[in-house]
């Protein structure tokens, strides 16, 4: 699953597409820099009886689904500040590989995928890395800077795709 972040910047949509594991590491990194997630605002359709999946009108404020929820202006700017603070602690040199073969003994999702495919290996984010290790090196630090710049622009949306609904 991917996370699609989009925002209106200077009259145009700007979109960032992230692997959900990268998004998880990015939010954890921001938290190490002091970001305290405020929770997202509910999507505009939430609670509308026309939508069959809106049975529970209570929005849970999550950041990990693509429901068109809103990261508020203050929360996005706070996330950017957390990323910028964490930048000082990210090692300059690249650390261990960020991708690793997932062990079916320790990762139930890897086990399910291997069973469904009838064998093979599954690779994913090296979950033994800290967010600081994950984003180490020039490329990782550059990515964090670009994401901090995106969030510094304020409000954005976690959307399902690049559609401009």
Protein backbone atom coordinates (compact mmCIF):
# COMPACT_ATOMS: atom_id res chain seq x y z
CA UNK A 1 0.00 0.00 0.00
CA UNK A 2 1.16 3.49 -0.70
CA UNK A 3 0.53 6.79 0.99
CA UNK A 4 -0.39 9.65 -1.34
CA UNK A 5 0.12 13.08 0.16
CA UNK A 6 -1.21 16.01 -1.80
CA UNK A 7 -1.52 19.69 -1.21
CA UNK A 8 -2.34 22.88 -3.02
CA UNK A 9 0.83 24.94 -3.34
CA UNK A 10 0.91 28.16 -5.36
CA UNK A 11 -2.36 27.28 -7.09
CA UNK A 12 -1.28 23.79 -8.16
CA UNK A 13 -1.54 20.32 -6.68
CA UNK A 14 1.74 18.92 -5.38
CA UNK A 15 1.81 15.21 -4.66
CA UNK A 16 4.19 12.97 -2.75
CA UNK A 17 3.88 9.18 -3.08
CA UNK A 18 5.41 7.08 -0.33
CA UNK A 19 5.62 3.43 0.53
CA UNK A 20 3.63 2.91 3.74
CA UNK A 21 6.76 1.67 5.53
CA UNK A 22 8.69 4.79 4.49
CA UNK A 23 5.76 6.93 5.72
CA UNK A 24 5.85 5.07 9.05
CA UNK A 25 9.59 5.72 9.41
CA UNK A 26 9.12 9.39 8.43
CA UNK A 27 6.44 9.99 11.06
CA UNK A 28 8.54 8.20 13.68
CA UNK A 29 11.50 10.38 12.72
CA UNK A 30 9.36 13.52 13.14
CA UNK A 31 8.32 12.27 16.57
CA UNK A 32 11.99 11.91 17.57
CA UNK A 33 12.28 15.59 16.65
CA UNK A 34 9.41 16.52 18.93
CA UNK A 35 6.34 16.28 16.66
CA UNK A 36 3.27 15.30 18.62
CA UNK A 37 0.63 14.09 16.14
CA UNK A 38 -2.57 16.06 16.58
CA UNK A 39 -4.59 13.55 14.57
CA UNK A 40 -6.02 14.12 11.14
CA UNK A 41 -9.33 15.79 10.37
CA UNK A 42 -12.05 13.60 9.00
CA UNK A 43 -12.57 13.46 5.26
CA UNK A 44 -15.42 15.61 3.98
CA UNK A 45 -17.59 12.57 3.20
CA UNK A 46 -17.12 10.87 6.58
CA UNK A 47 -20.39 10.04 8.30
CA UNK A 48 -22.37 10.60 5.09
CA UNK A 49 -25.04 7.87 4.98
CA UNK A 50 -24.54 7.63 1.21
CA UNK A 51 -21.18 5.95 1.85
CA UNK A 52 -21.65 2.33 2.92
CA UNK A 53 -18.40 2.20 4.89
CA UNK A 54 -19.32 5.23 6.98
CA UNK A 55 -21.22 3.10 9.47
CA UNK A 56 -19.22 4.55 12.35
CA UNK A 57 -19.38 8.35 12.06
CA UNK A 58 -16.53 8.79 14.56
CA UNK A 59 -13.28 9.59 12.77
CA UNK A 60 -10.22 8.10 14.51
CA UNK A 61 -7.68 10.71 13.36
CA UNK A 62 -5.30 8.19 11.77
CA UNK A 63 -2.42 8.96 9.41
CA UNK A 64 -2.14 5.50 7.85
CA UNK A 65 -5.09 5.12 5.49
CA UNK A 66 -5.85 6.83 2.21
CA UNK A 67 -9.26 8.21 3.17
CA UNK A 68 -8.75 11.82 2.03
CA UNK A 69 -8.22 12.89 5.63
CA UNK A 70 -6.59 16.25 6.30
CA UNK A 71 -3.32 16.96 8.07
CA UNK A 72 -4.10 20.42 9.42
CA UNK A 73 -1.97 23.46 8.78
CA UNK A 74 -0.56 23.54 12.34
CA UNK A 75 0.03 19.78 12.44
CA UNK A 76 1.79 19.76 9.05
CA UNK A 77 4.06 22.64 10.09
CA UNK A 78 4.79 20.89 13.40
CA UNK A 79 5.63 17.69 11.50
CA UNK A 80 8.03 19.73 9.32
CA UNK A 81 9.67 21.22 12.41
CA UNK A 82 10.09 17.74 13.94
CA UNK A 83 11.77 16.50 10.76
CA UNK A 84 14.11 19.50 10.66
CA UNK A 85 15.11 19.01 14.31
CA UNK A 86 15.72 15.29 13.72
CA UNK A 87 17.97 16.11 10.73
CA UNK A 88 20.74 17.10 13.14
CA UNK A 89 20.84 13.54 14.50
CA UNK A 90 20.74 11.67 11.18
CA UNK A 91 24.17 10.16 10.44
CA UNK A 92 25.97 11.61 7.40
CA UNK A 93 27.14 8.19 6.27
CA UNK A 94 24.77 5.55 5.00
CA UNK A 95 24.05 2.83 7.50
CA UNK A 96 22.78 -0.73 7.12
CA UNK A 97 20.58 -1.59 4.12
CA UNK A 98 17.07 -0.21 4.46
CA UNK A 99 15.55 -3.15 2.60
CA UNK A 100 15.86 -6.69 3.88
CA UNK A 101 14.49 -10.14 3.31
CA UNK A 102 11.56 -10.56 5.69
CA UNK A 103 11.66 -13.69 7.81
CA UNK A 104 8.41 -15.67 7.73
CA UNK A 105 9.24 -16.81 11.27
CA UNK A 106 9.10 -13.24 12.58
CA UNK A 107 6.78 -11.50 10.15
CA UNK A 108 3.25 -12.93 9.76
CA UNK A 109 2.59 -10.89 6.61
CA UNK A 110 5.72 -12.36 4.95
CA UNK A 111 4.57 -15.81 5.93
CA UNK A 112 1.12 -15.23 4.41
CA UNK A 113 2.59 -13.88 1.16
CA UNK A 114 5.00 -16.82 0.82
CA UNK A 115 2.17 -19.27 1.44
CA UNK A 116 -0.05 -17.52 -1.11
CA UNK A 117 2.72 -17.61 -3.73
CA UNK A 118 3.69 -21.18 -2.92
CA UNK A 119 7.23 -20.25 -1.85
CA UNK A 120 9.88 -17.65 -2.47
CA UNK A 121 11.15 -14.71 -0.50
CA UNK A 122 9.63 -11.40 0.51
CA UNK A 123 11.59 -8.19 0.92
CA UNK A 124 10.55 -5.11 2.84
CA UNK A 125 11.78 -2.39 5.12
CA UNK A 126 14.48 -3.50 7.53
CA UNK A 127 12.40 -3.15 10.71
CA UNK A 128 15.48 -3.44 12.90
CA UNK A 129 16.58 0.06 11.86
CA UNK A 130 15.74 3.18 13.80
CA UNK A 131 14.31 6.10 11.82
CA UNK A 132 17.70 7.82 12.15
CA UNK A 133 19.47 4.83 10.59
CA UNK A 134 16.79 4.45 7.94
CA UNK A 135 17.31 7.98 6.61
CA UNK A 136 21.11 8.04 7.06
CA UNK A 137 23.38 9.22 4.30
CA UNK A 138 23.07 11.97 1.71
CA UNK A 139 20.06 10.51 -0.11
CA UNK A 140 18.12 9.86 3.08
CA UNK A 141 18.86 13.29 4.50
CA UNK A 142 17.88 14.90 1.19
CA UNK A 143 14.57 13.05 1.22
CA UNK A 144 13.85 14.26 4.76
CA UNK A 145 14.63 17.87 3.73
CA UNK A 146 12.25 17.62 0.75
CA UNK A 147 9.49 16.18 2.93
CA UNK A 148 10.04 18.84 5.60
CA UNK A 149 9.72 21.50 2.89
CA UNK A 150 6.47 19.90 1.69
CA UNK A 151 4.94 19.87 5.19
CA UNK A 152 6.20 23.38 5.97
CA UNK A 153 3.76 24.56 3.29
CA UNK A 154 0.90 23.68 5.62
CA UNK A 155 -2.28 21.70 5.23
CA UNK A 156 -2.24 18.58 3.08
CA UNK A 157 -4.37 15.55 2.44
CA UNK A 158 -3.73 11.83 2.62
CA UNK A 159 -5.51 10.72 -0.54
CA UNK A 160 -6.27 7.46 -2.29
CA UNK A 161 -4.62 8.41 -5.56
CA UNK A 162 -3.52 11.30 -7.67
CA UNK A 163 -7.13 12.12 -8.55
CA UNK A 164 -8.02 15.72 -7.78
CA UNK A 165 -11.32 15.12 -5.99
